[in-house]
Amino acid sequence: MLRLFNSLEKKFETFHPVNRKVVNIFTCGPSVYQKAHIGNFRTFLFEDILARYLEYSGYRVKRGMNFTDIEDKAIREAEKRKTTVKYLTENVIKEFIHEMRLLRMKLPDYLPRASDSINETVGIIEILLERGIAYWHKGNVYFDPLQFPGFGKIYGLDISAWPSKKRRFHKDTYPGIQWNLGDFVLWYGCKEGDKYCWDTRIGKGRPSWNIQDPSMISRYFSKPLSIYCGGIDNLFRHHDYTLAILESVRPYPMARFWLHCQHLYVKGLKMSKSKGNILYTDTLKKQGYDMAEIRFFLIYGHYRQKLNYSDDQMRLTADKLKTFKRLVTKIGQKSNNKTGSHFRIIQELKKTFSENMDNDLDVQGAFDGLYKIISSINISDLKPGEASGIIQVLRKIDEILKVIF
């Protein structure tokens, strides 16, 4: 049975979907004001592994992932480049999807853009205003977290520390890992000179980042999600904002499981522009690595643990995959492509893989277990049918890993 660490309950739990017929997953997608780096892709690859392993385990999966294509950062970047937000974000989205395919990621069923979900945003805001959970202030709409019982429950926020004086936070995002103890913005009313406004039932304006995920989720999923996931930084503010908004307008929980992926570090430092340590897939390709090796490096470390990039670690991880693939190639050369089985080894491969993956998606443990078994085989003694059976099971496993063949 698959066990996952649920950030909401802060413990390991056996996975049971909300709906046995289909597992609904929503993943917190990229802000598309700039090119995605390998730290971003680490999170999206963990989610790819999650969806693929659920399918391997017999579930049918429906997955959505959003594009944040209208926000403060996108507007500033477009102005800096002397272009429009739409031109900027559409090109970033196009490149992002291209890289997803190169990294052998399965495209989600739904890839909504925030700019296409304005009607859903307005509908949610109207309900929140009617219920007194949101309010107008100087042309903007704000959400009052104190009107939502249990606010901050994913993170585990101590609400007793909430300031008595009314405070409002009007930016889409704030730097650093911190909590903004106050009301957060949902809607920016248009002011003179604003370029990006929609004419709606509540007036001209644009949605804040905080309400965009709830709007896009409600567009495609009308029931509780089985899993909601994203990067670890979203445990501060963003995911609790998303939950509070959606659960304020729906009479049921937003999601049963909440999963969060840790950051990628470079030589011990968090990847960031200010530190000058941003790495892209193009950077690693120029160093001679192929996309399978890049994918492998990013999925090999456990998703809930910090992954540290260094040139040496990248090379060692890529070399491990190369050695494994050479062994698999030799076994494949003994295969006659007919159905065959080497019962003990095939069962060992299946058991080792499933036991580790069922342990909170332990890709490293699963791969190392496969590596140990394959390395111990005396390939020269393999019969063609036995080799065929091994290759068959590895191909099925590689429908999740996507790095072997």
Protein backbone atom coordinates (compact mmCIF):
# COMPACT_ATOMS: atom_id res chain seq x y z
CA MET A 1 0.00 0.00 0.00
CA LEU A 2 1.29 3.44 -0.95
CA ARG A 3 2.10 5.63 2.04
CA LEU A 4 2.65 9.36 1.62
CA PHE A 5 3.65 12.13 4.00
CA ASN A 6 0.59 14.36 4.25
CA SER A 7 1.60 17.97 5.00
CA LEU A 8 -1.94 18.68 6.22
CA GLU A 9 -1.88 15.98 8.90
CA LYS A 10 1.92 16.18 9.31
CA LYS A 11 2.33 12.41 9.26
CA PHE A 12 2.59 9.39 6.96
CA GLU A 13 -0.76 8.04 5.83
CA THR A 14 -1.85 5.17 3.63
CA PHE A 15 -3.12 6.60 0.38
CA HIS A 16 -6.83 6.24 -0.24
CA PRO A 17 -8.25 8.40 -3.04
CA VAL A 18 -11.43 10.43 -2.62
CA ASN A 19 -12.85 8.64 -5.67
CA ARG A 20 -11.75 5.07 -6.37
CA LYS A 21 -12.53 5.42 -10.08
CA VAL A 22 -10.24 8.39 -10.69
CA VAL A 23 -7.53 10.13 -8.67
CA ASN A 24 -7.80 13.90 -9.09
CA ILE A 25 -4.52 15.77 -8.64
CA PHE A 26 -3.78 19.46 -8.93
CA THR A 27 -0.23 20.75 -8.93
CA CYS A 28 0.81 24.32 -8.24
CA GLY A 29 2.31 25.29 -11.57
CA PRO A 30 4.91 27.83 -12.64
CA SER A 31 4.84 31.60 -12.68
CA VAL A 32 5.66 32.12 -16.33
CA TYR A 33 7.36 35.49 -16.30
CA GLN A 34 10.77 33.89 -16.87
CA LYS A 35 12.35 30.64 -18.04
CA ALA A 36 12.08 27.70 -15.61
CA HIS A 37 15.34 26.46 -14.06
CA ILE A 38 16.18 22.93 -12.94
CA GLY A 39 15.09 23.74 -9.38
CA ASN A 40 11.61 24.44 -10.70
CA PHE A 41 11.64 21.26 -12.74
CA ARG A 42 12.58 19.20 -9.70
CA THR A 43 9.13 19.88 -8.24
CA PHE A 44 7.31 19.18 -11.49
CA LEU A 45 9.26 15.94 -11.99
CA PHE A 46 8.31 14.70 -8.52
CA GLU A 47 4.69 15.30 -9.46
CA ASP A 48 5.25 13.46 -12.75
CA ILE A 49 6.61 10.46 -10.83
CA LEU A 50 3.62 10.62 -8.46
CA ALA A 51 1.05 10.56 -11.28
CA ARG A 52 2.90 7.83 -13.19
CA TYR A 53 3.28 5.61 -10.12
CA LEU A 54 -0.41 5.93 -9.29
CA GLU A 55 -1.19 4.74 -12.83
CA TYR A 56 1.34 1.90 -12.43
CA SER A 57 -0.51 0.95 -9.23
CA GLY A 58 -3.79 0.63 -11.11
CA TYR A 59 -5.40 4.04 -10.64
CA ARG A 60 -6.78 6.29 -13.33
CA VAL A 61 -5.42 9.81 -12.87
CA LYS A 62 -6.80 13.20 -13.85
CA ARG A 63 -4.32 15.98 -13.27
CA GLY A 64 -4.37 19.74 -13.59
CA MET A 65 -1.50 22.21 -13.40
CA ASN A 66 -1.89 25.97 -13.64
CA PHE A 67 0.11 28.69 -15.35
CA THR A 68 0.32 31.96 -13.43
CA ASP A 69 0.38 34.31 -16.41
CA ILE A 70 -0.86 37.53 -14.83
CA GLU A 71 0.83 38.88 -11.69
CA ASP A 72 3.05 41.70 -10.45
CA LYS A 73 6.28 40.00 -11.52
CA ALA A 74 5.03 39.31 -15.05
CA ILE A 75 3.93 42.94 -15.44
CA ARG A 76 7.30 44.25 -14.24
CA GLU A 77 9.22 41.83 -16.47
CA ALA A 78 7.14 42.75 -19.53
CA GLU A 79 7.78 46.44 -18.90
CA LYS A 80 11.49 45.75 -18.48
CA ARG A 81 11.58 43.91 -21.83
CA LYS A 82 9.32 46.51 -23.48
CA THR A 83 6.74 43.94 -24.50
CA THR A 84 3.27 42.79 -23.43
CA VAL A 85 2.53 40.34 -20.64
CA LYS A 86 0.74 38.04 -23.07
CA TYR A 87 3.68 37.94 -25.49
CA LEU A 88 6.10 37.33 -22.62
CA THR A 89 4.13 34.59 -20.87
CA GLU A 90 3.01 32.74 -24.00
CA ASN A 91 6.63 32.35 -25.08
CA VAL A 92 7.68 31.15 -21.63
CA ILE A 93 4.77 28.66 -21.58
CA LYS A 94 5.72 27.36 -25.03
CA GLU A 95 9.32 26.81 -23.92
CA PHE A 96 8.21 25.25 -20.61
CA ILE A 97 6.00 22.67 -22.35
CA HIS A 98 8.84 21.93 -24.80
CA GLU A 99 11.19 21.22 -21.89
CA MET A 100 8.56 19.09 -20.17
CA ARG A 101 8.48 16.87 -23.24
CA LEU A 102 12.29 16.74 -23.44
CA LEU A 103 12.35 15.64 -19.79
CA ARG A 104 9.84 12.91 -20.70
CA MET A 105 7.16 14.38 -18.48
CA LYS A 106 3.56 13.46 -19.08
CA LEU A 107 1.54 16.58 -19.81
CA PRO A 108 -1.32 17.13 -17.33
CA ASP A 109 -4.86 16.77 -18.63
CA TYR A 110 -5.56 20.43 -17.85
CA LEU A 111 -3.12 23.34 -18.20
CA PRO A 112 -5.24 26.41 -17.41
CA ARG A 113 -3.97 29.97 -17.49
CA ALA A 114 -4.97 32.41 -14.77
CA SER A 115 -5.94 34.97 -17.41
CA ASP A 116 -8.55 32.55 -18.79
CA SER A 117 -10.21 31.99 -15.40
CA ILE A 118 -11.45 35.50 -14.63
CA ASN A 119 -15.13 34.47 -14.52
CA GLU A 120 -14.35 31.83 -11.89
CA THR A 121 -12.35 34.41 -9.91
CA VAL A 122 -15.21 36.89 -9.92
CA GLY A 123 -17.71 34.20 -8.89
CA ILE A 124 -15.59 33.21 -5.88
CA ILE A 125 -15.09 36.85 -4.82
CA GLU A 126 -18.82 37.52 -5.02
CA ILE A 127 -19.52 34.63 -2.62
CA LEU A 128 -16.74 35.73 -0.24
CA LEU A 129 -18.08 39.30 -0.19
CA GLU A 130 -21.62 38.09 0.43
CA ARG A 131 -20.45 35.95 3.36
CA GLY A 132 -18.40 38.73 4.93
CA ILE A 133 -15.13 36.87 4.54
CA ALA A 134 -13.81 39.37 1.99
CA TYR A 135 -14.30 43.13 1.80
CA TRP A 136 -13.52 46.17 -0.36
CA HIS A 137 -10.82 48.62 0.69
CA LYS A 138 -9.60 51.51 -1.47
CA GLY A 139 -10.66 49.79 -4.68
CA ASN A 140 -9.18 46.36 -3.85
CA VAL A 141 -10.78 43.24 -2.36
CA TYR A 142 -9.12 41.63 0.67
CA PHE A 143 -9.61 38.29 2.46
CA ASP A 144 -9.88 38.36 6.25
CA PRO A 145 -8.24 35.12 7.52
CA LEU A 146 -9.79 35.53 10.96
CA GLN A 147 -13.17 34.82 9.35
CA PHE A 148 -11.98 31.34 8.33
CA PRO A 149 -11.82 28.83 11.23
CA GLY A 150 -8.53 26.95 11.29
CA PHE A 151 -6.64 29.35 9.04
CA GLY A 152 -3.02 28.25 8.54
CA LYS A 153 -3.70 24.59 9.29
CA ILE A 154 -1.47 23.18 6.55
CA TYR A 155 1.56 25.05 7.85
CA GLY A 156 0.48 24.83 11.49
CA LEU A 157 0.25 28.57 12.06
CA ASP A 158 -0.20 29.80 15.64
CA ILE A 159 -3.18 32.08 15.20
CA SER A 160 -2.78 33.43 18.75
CA ALA A 161 0.13 35.52 17.45
CA TRP A 162 -2.20 37.42 15.11
CA PRO A 163 -1.88 41.20 15.63
CA SER A 164 -4.86 43.05 17.07
CA LYS A 165 -4.36 45.98 14.71
CA LYS A 166 -5.80 45.56 11.19
CA ARG A 167 -3.04 44.97 8.62
CA ARG A 168 -3.34 44.44 4.87
CA PHE A 169 -0.87 42.92 2.42
CA HIS A 170 -1.46 44.06 -1.12
CA LYS A 171 1.42 42.53 -3.12
CA ASP A 172 1.15 39.27 -5.05
CA THR A 173 4.28 37.88 -3.42
CA TYR A 174 6.70 38.90 -0.73
CA PRO A 175 10.39 37.97 -0.52
CA GLY A 176 11.64 35.37 1.93
CA ILE A 177 10.00 32.60 3.88
CA GLN A 178 7.71 34.42 6.26
CA TRP A 179 4.09 34.77 7.28
CA ASN A 180 2.15 37.92 6.55
CA LEU A 181 -0.07 38.22 9.61
CA GLY A 182 -2.93 40.20 8.17
CA ASP A 183 -5.51 40.37 5.39
CA PHE A 184 -4.35 39.44 1.88
CA VAL A 185 -5.44 40.86 -1.45
CA LEU A 186 -7.74 38.96 -3.83
CA TRP A 187 -8.53 41.55 -6.50
CA TYR A 188 -6.83 44.69 -7.76
CA GLY A 189 -9.28 47.36 -8.83
CA CYS A 190 -8.01 49.20 -11.90
CA LYS A 191 -6.42 52.57 -11.37
CA GLU A 192 -5.46 55.24 -13.87
CA GLY A 193 -2.62 54.02 -16.07
CA ASP A 194 -3.15 50.30 -15.36
CA LYS A 195 -2.68 48.30 -18.56
CA TYR A 196 -4.04 44.94 -17.49
CA CYS A 197 -7.71 45.05 -16.51
CA TRP A 198 -10.78 42.93 -17.11
CA ASP A 199 -14.27 44.41 -17.22
CA THR A 200 -16.32 42.21 -14.87
CA ARG A 201 -19.45 42.16 -12.71
CA ILE A 202 -17.45 43.55 -9.78
CA GLY A 203 -15.83 46.25 -11.88
CA LYS A 204 -12.59 46.60 -13.79
CA GLY A 205 -9.57 44.89 -12.27
CA ARG A 206 -7.35 41.84 -12.23
CA PRO A 207 -6.97 38.84 -9.92
CA SER A 208 -4.18 38.63 -7.36
CA TRP A 209 -1.94 35.56 -7.32
CA ASN A 210 -3.65 34.37 -4.13
CA ILE A 211 -6.99 33.62 -5.76
CA GLN A 212 -5.77 32.24 -9.07
CA ASP A 213 -5.28 28.60 -8.02
CA PRO A 214 -8.76 28.34 -6.43
CA SER A 215 -10.25 29.82 -9.60
CA MET A 216 -8.53 27.35 -11.89
CA ILE A 217 -9.23 24.38 -9.63
CA SER A 218 -12.94 25.17 -9.47
CA ARG A 219 -13.03 25.36 -13.25
CA TYR A 220 -12.09 21.69 -13.66
CA PHE A 221 -12.70 19.91 -10.34
CA SER A 222 -16.05 20.12 -8.57
CA LYS A 223 -15.21 17.59 -5.86
CA PRO A 224 -12.41 17.31 -3.28
CA LEU A 225 -9.01 16.59 -4.78
CA SER A 226 -7.23 13.43 -3.73
CA ILE A 227 -3.85 15.21 -3.85
CA TYR A 228 -2.66 18.79 -4.06
CA CYS A 229 1.07 19.37 -4.39
CA GLY A 230 3.75 21.95 -4.97
CA GLY A 231 7.07 23.31 -3.74
CA ILE A 232 7.98 23.58 -0.06
CA ASP A 233 8.01 27.39 -0.21
CA ASN A 234 4.23 27.27 -0.80
CA LEU A 235 3.79 26.04 2.78
CA PHE A 236 4.27 29.66 3.75
CA ARG A 237 1.17 31.68 2.89
CA HIS A 238 0.24 30.46 -0.58
CA HIS A 239 -1.29 27.02 0.01
CA ASP A 240 -3.07 28.06 3.20
CA TYR A 241 -4.46 31.05 1.29
CA THR A 242 -5.63 28.71 -1.47
CA LEU A 243 -7.27 26.30 0.98
CA ALA A 244 -8.97 29.06 2.97
CA ILE A 245 -10.44 30.67 -0.16
CA LEU A 246 -11.75 27.46 -1.68
CA GLU A 247 -13.07 25.95 1.55
CA SER A 248 -14.86 29.23 2.31
CA VAL A 249 -17.04 28.78 -0.79
CA ARG A 250 -17.34 24.98 -0.83
CA PRO A 251 -18.91 22.76 1.84
CA TYR A 252 -16.15 20.13 1.69
CA PRO A 253 -12.35 19.86 2.08
CA MET A 254 -10.21 21.07 -0.79
CA ALA A 255 -7.87 18.05 -0.82
CA ARG A 256 -7.26 14.88 1.17
CA PHE A 257 -3.46 14.85 0.75
CA TRP A 258 -1.04 17.78 0.50
CA LEU A 259 2.48 16.96 -0.75
CA HIS A 260 5.45 19.33 -0.88
CA CYS A 261 8.81 19.03 -2.62
CA GLN A 262 12.00 20.43 -1.09
CA HIS A 263 14.29 22.95 -2.78
CA LEU A 264 17.27 22.28 -5.00
CA TYR A 265 20.49 23.80 -3.70
CA VAL A 266 23.70 24.56 -5.55
CA LYS A 267 26.82 23.85 -3.50
CA GLY A 268 24.81 24.34 -0.32
CA LEU A 269 23.07 27.56 -1.39
CA LYS A 270 19.43 27.88 -2.48
CA MET A 271 19.21 28.48 -6.20
CA SER A 272 18.41 32.12 -6.93
CA LYS A 273 19.19 34.92 -9.34
CA SER A 274 20.67 37.08 -6.58
CA LYS A 275 23.27 34.41 -5.84
CA GLY A 276 24.06 33.93 -9.52
CA ASN A 277 23.71 30.14 -9.26
CA ILE A 278 20.73 29.52 -11.54
CA LEU A 279 21.08 26.39 -13.69
CA TYR A 280 18.94 25.51 -16.70
CA THR A 281 18.60 22.27 -18.62
CA ASP A 282 20.49 24.04 -21.42
CA THR A 283 23.40 24.62 -19.01
CA LEU A 284 23.71 20.90 -18.28
CA LYS A 285 23.24 19.88 -21.91
CA LYS A 286 26.18 22.09 -22.87
CA GLN A 287 28.22 20.18 -20.28
CA GLY A 288 27.45 16.94 -22.14
CA TYR A 289 24.50 15.54 -20.19
CA ASP A 290 21.43 14.24 -21.98
CA MET A 291 17.87 14.88 -20.82
CA ALA A 292 17.48 11.39 -19.31
CA GLU A 293 20.52 12.03 -17.11
CA ILE A 294 19.16 15.43 -16.07
CA ARG A 295 15.79 13.87 -15.27
CA PHE A 296 17.50 11.12 -13.29
CA PHE A 297 19.53 13.56 -11.20
CA LEU A 298 16.41 15.54 -10.32
CA ILE A 299 14.28 12.51 -9.35
CA TYR A 300 17.03 10.47 -7.67
CA GLY A 301 17.05 12.42 -4.40
CA HIS A 302 13.96 11.99 -2.24
CA TYR A 303 11.45 14.72 -2.98
CA ARG A 304 11.03 15.73 0.68
CA GLN A 305 14.77 16.16 1.21
CA LYS A 306 16.93 19.03 0.00
CA LEU A 307 18.86 18.09 -3.12
CA ASN A 308 22.32 19.59 -3.48
CA TYR A 309 23.75 20.13 -6.94
CA SER A 310 27.48 20.10 -7.58
CA ASP A 311 29.44 19.23 -10.69
CA ASP A 312 30.82 16.13 -8.96
CA GLN A 313 27.41 14.95 -7.75
CA MET A 314 25.87 15.46 -11.17
CA ARG A 315 28.66 13.47 -12.81
CA LEU A 316 28.47 10.62 -10.26
CA THR A 317 24.69 10.35 -10.61
CA ALA A 318 24.86 10.37 -14.41
CA ASP A 319 27.64 7.73 -14.35
CA LYS A 320 25.49 5.50 -12.14
CA LEU A 321 22.67 5.65 -14.68
CA LYS A 322 25.07 4.96 -17.55
CA THR A 323 26.47 1.87 -15.82
CA PHE A 324 22.98 0.57 -15.11
CA LYS A 325 21.89 1.13 -18.72
CA ARG A 326 24.96 -0.72 -20.03
CA LEU A 327 24.02 -3.75 -17.91
CA VAL A 328 20.43 -3.56 -19.17
CA THR A 329 21.67 -3.35 -22.77
CA LYS A 330 23.74 -6.52 -22.28
CA ILE A 331 20.71 -8.33 -20.85
CA GLY A 332 18.65 -7.08 -23.79
CA GLN A 333 21.17 -8.55 -26.20
CA LYS A 334 20.48 -11.98 -24.69
CA SER A 335 16.73 -11.52 -25.09
CA ASN A 336 14.77 -13.23 -27.85
CA ASN A 337 11.80 -10.86 -27.43
CA LYS A 338 9.56 -13.78 -26.53
CA THR A 339 7.55 -14.04 -23.36
CA GLY A 340 9.75 -15.59 -20.78
CA SER A 341 10.47 -15.36 -17.10
CA HIS A 342 13.25 -15.74 -14.64
CA PHE A 343 10.81 -16.11 -11.78
CA ARG A 344 13.04 -15.27 -8.82
CA ILE A 345 14.72 -12.22 -10.36
CA ILE A 346 11.50 -10.85 -11.87
CA GLN A 347 9.70 -11.10 -8.54
CA GLU A 348 12.66 -9.50 -6.77
CA LEU A 349 12.65 -6.58 -9.21
CA LYS A 350 8.92 -6.00 -8.86
CA LYS A 351 8.96 -6.33 -5.07
CA THR A 352 11.99 -4.11 -4.58
CA PHE A 353 10.58 -1.40 -6.80
CA SER A 354 7.08 -1.41 -5.28
CA GLU A 355 8.23 -1.60 -1.66
CA ASN A 356 10.42 1.46 -2.06
CA MET A 357 7.98 3.46 -4.14
CA ASP A 358 5.18 2.66 -1.69
CA ASN A 359 7.41 4.25 0.96
CA ASP A 360 6.57 7.85 0.10
CA LEU A 361 7.90 7.57 -3.47
CA ASP A 362 11.47 6.60 -2.54
CA VAL A 363 12.90 6.70 -6.06
CA GLN A 364 16.48 6.48 -4.84
CA GLY A 365 15.78 3.36 -2.78
CA ALA A 366 13.86 1.82 -5.68
CA PHE A 367 16.59 2.49 -8.24
CA ASP A 368 19.40 1.37 -5.94
CA GLY A 369 17.48 -1.84 -5.26
CA LEU A 370 17.11 -2.48 -8.99
CA TYR A 371 20.79 -1.66 -9.52
CA LYS A 372 21.86 -4.17 -6.88
CA ILE A 373 19.75 -6.97 -8.37
CA ILE A 374 20.81 -6.31 -11.97
CA SER A 375 24.49 -6.02 -10.97
CA SER A 376 24.34 -9.42 -9.26
CA ILE A 377 23.11 -11.26 -12.38
CA ASN A 378 25.57 -13.44 -14.25
CA ILE A 379 24.44 -12.26 -17.67
CA SER A 380 26.37 -14.94 -19.57
CA ASP A 381 24.27 -17.62 -17.83
CA LEU A 382 20.93 -16.04 -18.70
CA LYS A 383 18.64 -17.91 -21.07
CA PRO A 384 16.96 -15.83 -23.80
CA GLY A 385 13.52 -16.20 -22.21
CA GLU A 386 14.87 -15.16 -18.80
CA ALA A 387 16.52 -12.10 -20.30
CA SER A 388 13.25 -11.24 -22.06
CA GLY A 389 11.34 -11.43 -18.80
CA ILE A 390 13.79 -9.09 -17.06
CA ILE A 391 13.61 -6.56 -19.90
CA GLN A 392 9.80 -6.69 -19.87
CA VAL A 393 9.56 -5.84 -16.18
CA LEU A 394 12.18 -3.11 -16.47
CA ARG A 395 10.26 -1.54 -19.36
CA LYS A 396 7.14 -1.45 -17.23
CA ILE A 397 9.06 0.13 -14.36
CA ASP A 398 10.55 2.65 -16.76
CA GLU A 399 7.07 3.90 -17.57
CA ILE A 400 7.47 5.68 -14.19
CA LEU A 401 11.18 6.50 -14.15
CA LYS A 402 11.56 7.26 -17.90
CA VAL A 403 15.35 7.09 -17.74
CA ILE A 404 16.34 3.51 -18.64
CA PHE A 405 15.22 2.93 -22.25
